[in-house]
């Protein structure tokens, strides 16, 4: 899908209209879906790599957030809110 193609402008306009119609909480999901659709229009093989990397980064972020939450719990329990260093 080239930038100079009419289909790109239709894609862009429809995407923007739907973006402003849907609730704010879902707008980031819509942009992600549009991005994937755009990249899939070029190459399925490369797009599958993009989906793979996106999934890995998403779950790594969840894991890091969980570690951060556990670290705060340990700090509040053992250190009285102060910095707690192990070992």
Protein backbone atom coordinates (compact mmCIF):
# COMPACT_ATOMS: atom_id res chain seq x y z
CA UNK A 1 0.00 0.00 0.00
CA UNK A 2 1.81 3.07 -1.26
CA UNK A 3 1.35 6.54 0.21
CA UNK A 4 0.40 7.77 -3.26
CA UNK A 5 -2.34 5.20 -3.70
CA UNK A 6 -6.03 6.04 -3.30
CA UNK A 7 -6.48 2.94 -1.14
CA UNK A 8 -4.03 4.37 1.40
CA UNK A 9 -6.06 7.57 1.75
CA UNK A 10 -9.28 5.57 2.15
CA UNK A 11 -7.53 3.41 4.76
CA UNK A 12 -6.28 6.53 6.56
CA UNK A 13 -9.64 8.34 6.55
CA UNK A 14 -11.66 5.30 7.65
CA UNK A 15 -9.09 4.55 10.35
CA UNK A 16 -9.16 8.13 11.65
CA UNK A 17 -12.97 8.25 11.71
CA UNK A 18 -13.20 4.99 13.66
CA UNK A 19 -10.40 6.16 15.97
CA UNK A 20 -12.44 9.18 17.07
CA UNK A 21 -15.67 7.18 17.39
CA UNK A 22 -14.39 4.44 19.70
CA UNK A 23 -13.82 5.02 23.45
CA UNK A 24 -10.48 6.48 24.57
CA UNK A 25 -9.51 3.24 26.34
CA UNK A 26 -9.60 1.33 23.05
CA UNK A 27 -7.95 3.91 20.79
CA UNK A 28 -4.45 2.49 21.33
CA UNK A 29 -5.71 -0.97 20.37
CA UNK A 30 -7.22 0.43 17.18
CA UNK A 31 -3.93 2.11 16.25
CA UNK A 32 -2.10 -1.15 16.87
CA UNK A 33 -4.55 -3.04 14.64
CA UNK A 34 -4.22 -0.41 11.91
CA UNK A 35 -0.44 -0.64 12.10
CA UNK A 36 -0.52 -4.40 11.73
CA UNK A 37 -2.93 -4.18 8.78
CA UNK A 38 -0.66 -1.64 7.11
CA UNK A 39 2.45 -3.79 7.58
CA UNK A 40 0.63 -6.95 6.50
CA UNK A 41 -0.16 -5.21 3.21
CA UNK A 42 3.59 -5.21 2.43
CA UNK A 43 4.82 -8.60 3.57
CA UNK A 44 3.20 -11.38 5.53
CA UNK A 45 6.56 -12.87 6.50
CA UNK A 46 7.91 -9.65 8.00
CA UNK A 47 4.57 -8.91 9.64
CA UNK A 48 4.62 -12.24 11.44
CA UNK A 49 8.02 -11.27 12.83
CA UNK A 50 6.49 -7.97 13.97
CA UNK A 51 3.64 -9.80 15.74
CA UNK A 52 6.18 -12.11 17.39
CA UNK A 53 8.34 -9.23 18.63
CA UNK A 54 5.28 -7.29 19.82
CA UNK A 55 4.08 -10.29 21.81
CA UNK A 56 7.50 -10.85 23.41
CA UNK A 57 7.85 -7.17 24.37
CA UNK A 58 4.30 -7.07 25.78
CA UNK A 59 4.81 -10.08 28.04
CA UNK A 60 8.27 -8.87 29.05
CA UNK A 61 6.67 -5.58 30.12
CA UNK A 62 4.08 -7.45 32.19
CA UNK A 63 6.87 -9.49 33.79
CA UNK A 64 8.87 -6.36 34.65
CA UNK A 65 5.78 -4.70 36.11
CA UNK A 66 5.17 -7.78 38.28
CA UNK A 67 8.78 -7.75 39.48
CA UNK A 68 8.50 -4.05 40.34
CA UNK A 69 5.29 -4.68 42.27
CA UNK A 70 6.88 -7.57 44.18
CA UNK A 71 9.92 -5.41 44.97
CA UNK A 72 7.69 -2.71 46.47
CA UNK A 73 5.88 -5.29 48.59
CA UNK A 74 9.20 -6.61 49.93
CA UNK A 75 10.39 -3.06 50.65
CA UNK A 76 7.27 -2.18 52.59
CA UNK A 77 7.24 -5.44 54.53
CA UNK A 78 10.89 -5.87 55.44
CA UNK A 79 12.34 -2.40 55.16
CA UNK A 80 9.56 -0.28 56.57
CA UNK A 81 9.37 1.63 53.29
CA UNK A 82 13.13 2.17 53.16
CA UNK A 83 15.40 0.87 50.45
CA UNK A 84 16.08 -2.81 51.00
CA UNK A 85 19.09 -4.50 49.49
CA UNK A 86 19.58 -8.22 49.54
CA UNK A 87 22.84 -10.01 49.91
